[in-house]
Amino acid sequence: MLQTNLLHLLSAADLKTTLETNENVMVCCGRMGPMCIPVYKSMLEVQGQYAHVAFRDMEFDTEDARAIRDLPICAGFRGLPFTVYFKSGKPVKATSSIQSKEQITAILDEQFKK
């Protein structure tokens, strides 16, 4: 399990339930590495400003993470983490590698307008 203070998705079933019960979801699928930790930190910092978005993490090296890794929107990604933004259960944006807090909030604002 990832050592973050985000809510964890431990299985593909957890992801499915989260997508079914939340209109707006941001999932960061990664490891506890130097490219991933800043994204988790930024998610924690902004989640209070985006109460209408469910922020979750998922460990990249599990079989269930295929639910993220195999998404067509993630095709061609090579760097960790894979960060996917879902609207009404569908992926609407995805990034790979490190993202700054400003880059994350720009995507949140673009995809999940209040």
N, C-alpha and C. Protein backbone atom coordinates (compact mmCIF):
# COMPACT_ATOMS: atom_id res chain seq x y z
N MET A 1 0.85 -1.18 0.00
CA MET A 1 0.00 0.00 0.00
C MET A 1 0.89 1.24 0.00
N LEU A 2 0.46 2.24 -0.73
CA LEU A 2 1.21 3.50 -0.78
C LEU A 2 1.14 4.21 0.56
N GLN A 3 2.21 4.88 0.90
CA GLN A 3 2.28 5.60 2.18
C GLN A 3 1.96 7.07 1.95
N THR A 4 0.69 7.32 1.65
CA THR A 4 0.20 8.68 1.49
C THR A 4 -1.00 8.87 2.42
N ASN A 5 -1.45 10.09 2.54
CA ASN A 5 -2.65 10.36 3.32
C ASN A 5 -3.88 10.49 2.43
N LEU A 6 -3.75 10.05 1.18
CA LEU A 6 -4.90 10.01 0.27
C LEU A 6 -5.68 8.72 0.53
N LEU A 7 -6.92 8.70 0.09
CA LEU A 7 -7.67 7.46 0.14
C LEU A 7 -7.12 6.53 -0.93
N HIS A 8 -6.94 5.26 -0.57
CA HIS A 8 -6.30 4.29 -1.44
C HIS A 8 -7.33 3.45 -2.20
N LEU A 9 -7.04 3.20 -3.46
CA LEU A 9 -7.78 2.21 -4.23
C LEU A 9 -6.94 0.94 -4.20
N LEU A 10 -7.46 -0.10 -3.57
CA LEU A 10 -6.70 -1.32 -3.39
C LEU A 10 -7.01 -2.38 -4.44
N SER A 11 -8.05 -2.13 -5.24
CA SER A 11 -8.44 -3.11 -6.24
C SER A 11 -9.18 -2.43 -7.39
N ALA A 12 -9.33 -3.17 -8.47
CA ALA A 12 -10.12 -2.66 -9.60
C ALA A 12 -11.57 -2.45 -9.16
N ALA A 13 -12.04 -3.29 -8.25
CA ALA A 13 -13.40 -3.13 -7.72
C ALA A 13 -13.53 -1.81 -6.95
N ASP A 14 -12.50 -1.44 -6.19
CA ASP A 14 -12.50 -0.13 -5.49
C ASP A 14 -12.60 1.01 -6.50
N LEU A 15 -11.84 0.90 -7.59
CA LEU A 15 -11.88 1.93 -8.62
C LEU A 15 -13.29 2.02 -9.21
N LYS A 16 -13.85 0.89 -9.55
CA LYS A 16 -15.19 0.85 -10.14
C LYS A 16 -16.21 1.51 -9.21
N THR A 17 -16.17 1.16 -7.93
CA THR A 17 -17.10 1.74 -6.96
C THR A 17 -16.90 3.25 -6.84
N THR A 18 -15.66 3.67 -6.80
CA THR A 18 -15.35 5.10 -6.69
C THR A 18 -15.90 5.85 -7.91
N LEU A 19 -15.72 5.28 -9.09
CA LEU A 19 -16.21 5.94 -10.30
C LEU A 19 -17.74 5.96 -10.36
N GLU A 20 -18.37 4.95 -9.80
CA GLU A 20 -19.84 4.89 -9.79
C GLU A 20 -20.46 5.82 -8.77
N THR A 21 -19.71 6.16 -7.72
CA THR A 21 -20.29 6.95 -6.63
C THR A 21 -19.80 8.40 -6.59
N ASN A 22 -18.92 8.78 -7.53
CA ASN A 22 -18.40 10.15 -7.59
C ASN A 22 -18.40 10.62 -9.04
N GLU A 23 -18.91 11.80 -9.28
CA GLU A 23 -18.93 12.33 -10.64
C GLU A 23 -17.53 12.68 -11.14
N ASN A 24 -16.71 13.26 -10.26
CA ASN A 24 -15.37 13.74 -10.61
C ASN A 24 -14.33 13.00 -9.78
N VAL A 25 -13.38 12.37 -10.44
CA VAL A 25 -12.38 11.57 -9.73
C VAL A 25 -11.00 11.83 -10.34
N MET A 26 -10.01 12.00 -9.48
CA MET A 26 -8.61 12.07 -9.88
C MET A 26 -7.88 10.90 -9.23
N VAL A 27 -7.24 10.06 -10.05
CA VAL A 27 -6.50 8.90 -9.54
C VAL A 27 -5.05 9.04 -9.96
N CYS A 28 -4.16 8.95 -8.98
CA CYS A 28 -2.73 8.93 -9.25
C CYS A 28 -2.25 7.51 -8.98
N CYS A 29 -1.81 6.86 -10.05
CA CYS A 29 -1.36 5.46 -9.98
C CYS A 29 0.17 5.47 -10.09
N GLY A 30 0.82 5.14 -8.98
CA GLY A 30 2.27 5.23 -8.98
C GLY A 30 2.93 4.42 -7.88
N ARG A 31 4.12 4.86 -7.55
CA ARG A 31 4.94 4.26 -6.50
C ARG A 31 5.33 5.38 -5.53
N MET A 32 6.14 5.04 -4.55
CA MET A 32 6.67 6.04 -3.62
C MET A 32 8.02 6.53 -4.14
N GLY A 33 8.05 6.98 -5.39
CA GLY A 33 9.27 7.42 -6.03
C GLY A 33 9.32 8.93 -6.21
N PRO A 34 10.44 9.43 -6.68
CA PRO A 34 10.66 10.88 -6.77
C PRO A 34 9.75 11.60 -7.77
N MET A 35 9.19 10.90 -8.73
CA MET A 35 8.27 11.54 -9.67
C MET A 35 6.83 11.50 -9.17
N CYS A 36 6.54 10.56 -8.28
CA CYS A 36 5.18 10.34 -7.79
C CYS A 36 4.87 11.16 -6.53
N ILE A 37 5.80 11.19 -5.60
CA ILE A 37 5.56 11.84 -4.31
C ILE A 37 5.10 13.29 -4.45
N PRO A 38 5.71 14.10 -5.33
CA PRO A 38 5.22 15.47 -5.47
C PRO A 38 3.77 15.56 -5.96
N VAL A 39 3.35 14.60 -6.77
CA VAL A 39 1.95 14.59 -7.25
C VAL A 39 1.02 14.27 -6.08
N TYR A 40 1.35 13.27 -5.27
CA TYR A 40 0.54 12.96 -4.09
C TYR A 40 0.45 14.17 -3.17
N LYS A 41 1.59 14.82 -2.96
CA LYS A 41 1.62 16.00 -2.07
C LYS A 41 0.71 17.10 -2.62
N SER A 42 0.79 17.36 -3.90
CA SER A 42 -0.06 18.39 -4.50
C SER A 42 -1.53 18.03 -4.39
N MET A 43 -1.86 16.76 -4.58
CA MET A 43 -3.25 16.32 -4.44
C MET A 43 -3.76 16.60 -3.03
N LEU A 44 -2.95 16.29 -2.04
CA LEU A 44 -3.33 16.54 -0.65
C LEU A 44 -3.53 18.03 -0.39
N GLU A 45 -2.67 18.85 -0.98
CA GLU A 45 -2.75 20.29 -0.76
C GLU A 45 -4.00 20.91 -1.39
N VAL A 46 -4.45 20.38 -2.52
CA VAL A 46 -5.57 21.02 -3.22
C VAL A 46 -6.92 20.36 -2.96
N GLN A 47 -6.94 19.18 -2.36
CA GLN A 47 -8.22 18.50 -2.25
C GLN A 47 -9.26 19.28 -1.44
N GLY A 48 -8.84 20.09 -0.50
CA GLY A 48 -9.80 20.91 0.25
C GLY A 48 -10.46 21.99 -0.59
N GLN A 49 -9.80 22.40 -1.65
CA GLN A 49 -10.34 23.42 -2.55
C GLN A 49 -11.27 22.81 -3.61
N TYR A 50 -11.28 21.51 -3.71
CA TYR A 50 -12.06 20.80 -4.73
C TYR A 50 -12.90 19.71 -4.06
N ALA A 51 -13.83 20.14 -3.22
CA ALA A 51 -14.67 19.19 -2.49
C ALA A 51 -15.52 18.34 -3.44
N HIS A 52 -15.72 18.81 -4.65
CA HIS A 52 -16.53 18.08 -5.63
C HIS A 52 -15.72 17.07 -6.44
N VAL A 53 -14.47 16.83 -6.03
CA VAL A 53 -13.59 15.87 -6.70
C VAL A 53 -13.12 14.84 -5.67
N ALA A 54 -13.18 13.56 -6.04
CA ALA A 54 -12.64 12.50 -5.20
C ALA A 54 -11.19 12.26 -5.60
N PHE A 55 -10.28 12.43 -4.66
CA PHE A 55 -8.85 12.24 -4.89
C PHE A 55 -8.44 10.88 -4.35
N ARG A 56 -7.83 10.06 -5.19
CA ARG A 56 -7.43 8.70 -4.80
C ARG A 56 -6.04 8.38 -5.34
N ASP A 57 -5.39 7.42 -4.67
CA ASP A 57 -4.14 6.88 -5.20
C ASP A 57 -4.31 5.39 -5.40
N MET A 58 -3.43 4.82 -6.22
CA MET A 58 -3.44 3.38 -6.48
C MET A 58 -2.01 2.94 -6.74
N GLU A 59 -1.64 1.83 -6.14
CA GLU A 59 -0.28 1.32 -6.31
C GLU A 59 -0.11 0.75 -7.72
N PHE A 60 0.91 1.22 -8.42
CA PHE A 60 1.13 0.88 -9.82
C PHE A 60 1.44 -0.60 -10.04
N ASP A 61 2.16 -1.21 -9.11
CA ASP A 61 2.70 -2.56 -9.32
C ASP A 61 1.77 -3.67 -8.82
N THR A 62 0.48 -3.48 -8.95
CA THR A 62 -0.47 -4.53 -8.60
C THR A 62 -1.21 -4.96 -9.85
N GLU A 63 -1.70 -6.16 -9.83
CA GLU A 63 -2.48 -6.66 -10.97
C GLU A 63 -3.71 -5.78 -11.21
N ASP A 64 -4.36 -5.35 -10.13
CA ASP A 64 -5.57 -4.53 -10.26
C ASP A 64 -5.30 -3.17 -10.89
N ALA A 65 -4.07 -2.69 -10.82
CA ALA A 65 -3.74 -1.39 -11.43
C ALA A 65 -3.82 -1.43 -12.95
N ARG A 66 -4.00 -2.62 -13.52
CA ARG A 66 -4.23 -2.73 -14.96
C ARG A 66 -5.44 -1.90 -15.37
N ALA A 67 -6.38 -1.74 -14.44
CA ALA A 67 -7.58 -0.94 -14.72
C ALA A 67 -7.20 0.50 -15.09
N ILE A 68 -6.07 0.97 -14.61
CA ILE A 68 -5.54 2.29 -14.97
C ILE A 68 -4.52 2.15 -16.10
N ARG A 69 -3.54 1.27 -15.90
CA ARG A 69 -2.43 1.14 -16.86
C ARG A 69 -2.89 0.82 -18.28
N ASP A 70 -3.98 0.05 -18.41
CA ASP A 70 -4.43 -0.39 -19.73
C ASP A 70 -5.48 0.52 -20.38
N LEU A 71 -5.76 1.65 -19.76
CA LEU A 71 -6.71 2.57 -20.38
C LEU A 71 -6.14 3.11 -21.69
N PRO A 72 -6.96 3.18 -22.73
CA PRO A 72 -6.47 3.75 -24.00
C PRO A 72 -5.88 5.15 -23.84
N ILE A 73 -6.42 5.94 -22.92
CA ILE A 73 -5.93 7.31 -22.71
C ILE A 73 -4.50 7.30 -22.17
N CYS A 74 -4.06 6.17 -21.62
CA CYS A 74 -2.70 6.05 -21.07
C CYS A 74 -1.73 5.36 -22.04
N ALA A 75 -2.20 5.02 -23.21
CA ALA A 75 -1.35 4.35 -24.19
C ALA A 75 -0.13 5.21 -24.49
N GLY A 76 1.00 4.60 -24.47
CA GLY A 76 2.23 5.32 -24.78
C GLY A 76 2.90 5.97 -23.58
N PHE A 77 2.25 5.97 -22.43
CA PHE A 77 2.88 6.54 -21.24
C PHE A 77 4.09 5.71 -20.86
N ARG A 78 5.16 6.37 -20.48
CA ARG A 78 6.38 5.67 -20.07
C ARG A 78 6.81 6.06 -18.65
N GLY A 79 6.45 7.27 -18.21
CA GLY A 79 6.88 7.73 -16.90
C GLY A 79 5.80 7.59 -15.85
N LEU A 80 6.22 7.39 -14.62
CA LEU A 80 5.29 7.33 -13.49
C LEU A 80 5.23 8.69 -12.82
N PRO A 81 4.11 8.98 -12.20
CA PRO A 81 2.88 8.21 -12.12
C PRO A 81 1.98 8.42 -13.33
N PHE A 82 1.00 7.53 -13.46
CA PHE A 82 -0.09 7.74 -14.40
C PHE A 82 -1.19 8.44 -13.60
N THR A 83 -1.57 9.61 -14.01
CA THR A 83 -2.64 10.35 -13.32
C THR A 83 -3.81 10.49 -14.28
N VAL A 84 -4.96 9.99 -13.85
CA VAL A 84 -6.13 9.97 -14.72
C VAL A 84 -7.27 10.73 -14.04
N TYR A 85 -7.92 11.55 -14.82
CA TYR A 85 -9.06 12.35 -14.38
C TYR A 85 -10.32 11.77 -15.02
N PHE A 86 -11.31 11.42 -14.20
CA PHE A 86 -12.53 10.80 -14.68
C PHE A 86 -13.73 11.73 -14.44
N LYS A 87 -14.60 11.82 -15.42
CA LYS A 87 -15.85 12.57 -15.31
C LYS A 87 -16.98 11.60 -15.64
N SER A 88 -17.90 11.43 -14.71
CA SER A 88 -19.04 10.52 -14.88
C SER A 88 -18.57 9.12 -15.30
N GLY A 89 -17.49 8.65 -14.69
CA GLY A 89 -16.99 7.30 -14.92
C GLY A 89 -16.11 7.12 -16.14
N LYS A 90 -15.93 8.18 -16.93
CA LYS A 90 -15.13 8.09 -18.16
C LYS A 90 -13.84 8.90 -18.00
N PRO A 91 -12.72 8.36 -18.49
CA PRO A 91 -11.48 9.14 -18.44
C PRO A 91 -11.55 10.32 -19.42
N VAL A 92 -11.26 11.52 -18.91
CA VAL A 92 -11.33 12.72 -19.75
C VAL A 92 -9.96 13.37 -19.96
N LYS A 93 -9.00 13.01 -19.13
CA LYS A 93 -7.65 13.58 -19.24
C LYS A 93 -6.71 12.65 -18.49
N ALA A 94 -5.48 12.55 -18.98
CA ALA A 94 -4.48 11.74 -18.29
C ALA A 94 -3.11 12.35 -18.53
N THR A 95 -2.25 12.22 -17.54
CA THR A 95 -0.88 12.70 -17.65
C THR A 95 0.04 11.61 -17.10
N SER A 96 1.31 11.72 -17.48
CA SER A 96 2.29 10.83 -16.89
C SER A 96 3.48 11.66 -16.45
N SER A 97 4.20 11.13 -15.50
CA SER A 97 5.37 11.77 -14.92
C SER A 97 4.95 12.85 -13.94
N ILE A 98 5.93 13.57 -13.46
CA ILE A 98 5.71 14.57 -12.43
C ILE A 98 4.83 15.71 -12.97
N GLN A 99 3.98 16.22 -12.12
CA GLN A 99 3.13 17.37 -12.43
C GLN A 99 3.21 18.33 -11.25
N SER A 100 3.28 19.60 -11.54
CA SER A 100 3.28 20.61 -10.48
C SER A 100 1.86 20.84 -9.97
N LYS A 101 1.76 21.45 -8.83
CA LYS A 101 0.44 21.79 -8.29
C LYS A 101 -0.32 22.68 -9.26
N GLU A 102 0.37 23.60 -9.92
CA GLU A 102 -0.26 24.50 -10.88
C GLU A 102 -0.79 23.73 -12.09
N GLN A 103 -0.04 22.75 -12.55
CA GLN A 103 -0.50 21.93 -13.68
C GLN A 103 -1.73 21.11 -13.28
N ILE A 104 -1.71 20.57 -12.08
CA ILE A 104 -2.84 19.78 -11.59
C ILE A 104 -4.08 20.65 -11.44
N THR A 105 -3.94 21.82 -10.83
CA THR A 105 -5.13 22.67 -10.63
C THR A 105 -5.66 23.17 -11.97
N ALA A 106 -4.80 23.39 -12.94
CA ALA A 106 -5.27 23.81 -14.27
C ALA A 106 -6.15 22.72 -14.88
N ILE A 107 -5.74 21.46 -14.73
CA ILE A 107 -6.54 20.36 -15.26
C ILE A 107 -7.84 20.23 -14.47
N LEU A 108 -7.76 20.31 -13.17
CA LEU A 108 -8.97 20.23 -12.34
C LEU A 108 -9.96 21.32 -12.73
N ASP A 109 -9.48 22.53 -12.92
CA ASP A 109 -10.34 23.64 -13.29
C ASP A 109 -10.95 23.43 -14.68
N GLU A 110 -10.15 22.91 -15.59
CA GLU A 110 -10.62 22.69 -16.97
C GLU A 110 -11.66 21.56 -17.04
N GLN A 111 -11.40 20.48 -16.35
CA GLN A 111 -12.24 19.29 -16.47
C GLN A 111 -13.44 19.26 -15.50
N PHE A 112 -13.27 19.89 -14.34
CA PHE A 112 -14.27 19.75 -13.28
C PHE A 112 -14.81 21.08 -12.81
N LYS A 113 -15.17 21.95 -13.73
CA LYS A 113 -15.73 23.24 -13.35
C LYS A 113 -16.90 23.06 -12.43
N LYS A 114 -16.99 23.91 -11.43
CA LYS A 114 -18.11 23.82 -10.47
C LYS A 114 -19.39 24.26 -11.11
